[in-house]
């Protein structure tokens, strides 16, 4: 495999992990809701790219895993039942990692 193929594969996996991280964060939030500012704040404590939050939120909405609502200039994400199924390993969605974030520590 060419070096560029490895880089592409790693980047695709990071996107999948980032999306799963958002779903897991929402699953742990009160009423399964968090603002984009809250999500960005948590991302700031990780090595995930903060600049990708809005794009990932819209992708997750298109995949029907979350809903989005704008209130007073803030974007709020709510985990939908299909998204909770992904978090709980009852559903696999291409484009979202099927492994929990903590599982990578053991690899």
Protein backbone atom coordinates (compact mmCIF):
# COMPACT_ATOMS: atom_id res chain seq x y z
CA UNK A 1 0.00 0.00 0.00
CA UNK A 2 1.28 3.46 -0.87
CA UNK A 3 2.08 5.92 1.90
CA UNK A 4 -0.73 8.23 0.75
CA UNK A 5 -3.21 5.35 1.08
CA UNK A 6 -2.14 4.84 4.70
CA UNK A 7 -2.55 8.54 5.40
CA UNK A 8 -6.01 8.54 3.80
CA UNK A 9 -7.02 5.48 5.83
CA UNK A 10 -5.85 7.08 9.09
CA UNK A 11 -7.68 10.32 8.28
CA UNK A 12 -10.91 8.45 7.48
CA UNK A 13 -10.65 6.59 10.79
CA UNK A 14 -10.14 9.85 12.69
CA UNK A 15 -13.33 11.24 11.14
CA UNK A 16 -15.25 8.12 12.19
CA UNK A 17 -13.86 8.35 15.73
CA UNK A 18 -14.68 12.06 15.97
CA UNK A 19 -18.30 11.39 15.00
CA UNK A 20 -18.58 8.57 17.53
CA UNK A 21 -17.08 10.84 20.18
CA UNK A 22 -19.82 13.40 19.53
CA UNK A 23 -22.51 10.71 19.84
CA UNK A 24 -20.97 9.44 23.08
CA UNK A 25 -20.76 12.98 24.45
CA UNK A 26 -24.45 13.54 23.69
CA UNK A 27 -25.36 10.20 25.26
CA UNK A 28 -23.72 11.40 28.49
CA UNK A 29 -25.35 14.85 28.38
CA UNK A 30 -28.55 15.82 30.22
CA UNK A 31 -31.55 15.02 28.00
CA UNK A 32 -29.04 13.92 25.32
CA UNK A 33 -28.52 17.60 24.36
CA UNK A 34 -25.38 19.74 24.09
CA UNK A 35 -24.52 22.99 22.35
CA UNK A 36 -21.86 23.19 19.71
CA UNK A 37 -19.92 25.43 22.12
CA UNK A 38 -19.95 22.67 24.74
CA UNK A 39 -18.83 20.10 22.18
CA UNK A 40 -16.05 22.41 20.98
CA UNK A 41 -14.95 22.89 24.60
CA UNK A 42 -14.64 19.14 25.10
CA UNK A 43 -12.88 18.79 21.73
CA UNK A 44 -10.40 21.42 22.93
CA UNK A 45 -9.29 18.91 25.59
CA UNK A 46 -8.62 16.22 22.96
CA UNK A 47 -6.58 15.96 19.80
CA UNK A 48 -9.75 16.12 17.66
CA UNK A 49 -9.99 19.09 15.31
CA UNK A 50 -12.34 21.73 16.69
CA UNK A 51 -12.81 23.16 13.20
CA UNK A 52 -14.57 19.96 12.14
CA UNK A 53 -17.35 20.05 14.78
CA UNK A 54 -19.97 21.86 12.70
CA UNK A 55 -19.39 19.67 9.65
CA UNK A 56 -19.61 16.52 11.76
CA UNK A 57 -22.82 17.73 13.41
CA UNK A 58 -24.43 18.29 10.03
CA UNK A 59 -23.20 14.90 8.79
CA UNK A 60 -24.69 13.20 11.87
CA UNK A 61 -27.96 15.05 11.26
CA UNK A 62 -28.06 13.86 7.64
CA UNK A 63 -27.46 10.32 8.91
CA UNK A 64 -30.49 10.81 11.20
CA UNK A 65 -28.41 10.17 14.32
CA UNK A 66 -28.94 13.63 15.84
CA UNK A 67 -31.22 16.62 15.40
CA UNK A 68 -29.98 20.21 15.30
CA UNK A 69 -31.70 23.37 16.47
CA UNK A 70 -30.37 26.91 16.51
CA UNK A 71 -31.34 29.09 19.48
CA UNK A 72 -29.99 32.62 19.97
CA UNK A 73 -27.01 31.96 17.74
CA UNK A 74 -26.08 28.67 19.40
CA UNK A 75 -26.45 25.35 17.67
CA UNK A 76 -27.85 22.56 19.86
CA UNK A 77 -27.51 18.89 19.04
CA UNK A 78 -29.88 16.24 20.40
CA UNK A 79 -29.11 12.54 20.19
CA UNK A 80 -31.87 10.63 18.40
CA UNK A 81 -32.82 7.00 19.09
CA UNK A 82 -30.78 5.77 16.09
CA UNK A 83 -27.76 7.64 17.45
CA UNK A 84 -28.21 6.05 20.85
CA UNK A 85 -28.38 2.67 19.12
CA UNK A 86 -24.97 3.41 17.56
CA UNK A 87 -23.52 4.38 20.95
CA UNK A 88 -24.90 1.18 22.49
CA UNK A 89 -23.63 -1.04 19.65
CA UNK A 90 -27.11 -1.98 18.47
CA UNK A 91 -26.61 -0.31 15.08
CA UNK A 92 -23.62 0.15 12.78
CA UNK A 93 -23.53 3.24 10.56
CA UNK A 94 -20.86 3.61 7.89
CA UNK A 95 -18.90 6.76 8.63
CA UNK A 96 -19.06 6.31 12.43
CA UNK A 97 -16.55 4.19 14.33
CA UNK A 98 -18.06 1.09 15.86
CA UNK A 99 -15.40 1.04 18.59
CA UNK A 100 -15.66 3.05 21.78
CA UNK A 101 -12.94 5.65 22.22
CA UNK A 102 -11.49 3.90 25.30
CA UNK A 103 -11.01 0.68 23.34
CA UNK A 104 -8.18 2.31 21.38
CA UNK A 105 -6.09 2.63 24.54
CA UNK A 106 -5.76 -1.14 24.76
CA UNK A 107 -4.45 -1.55 21.22
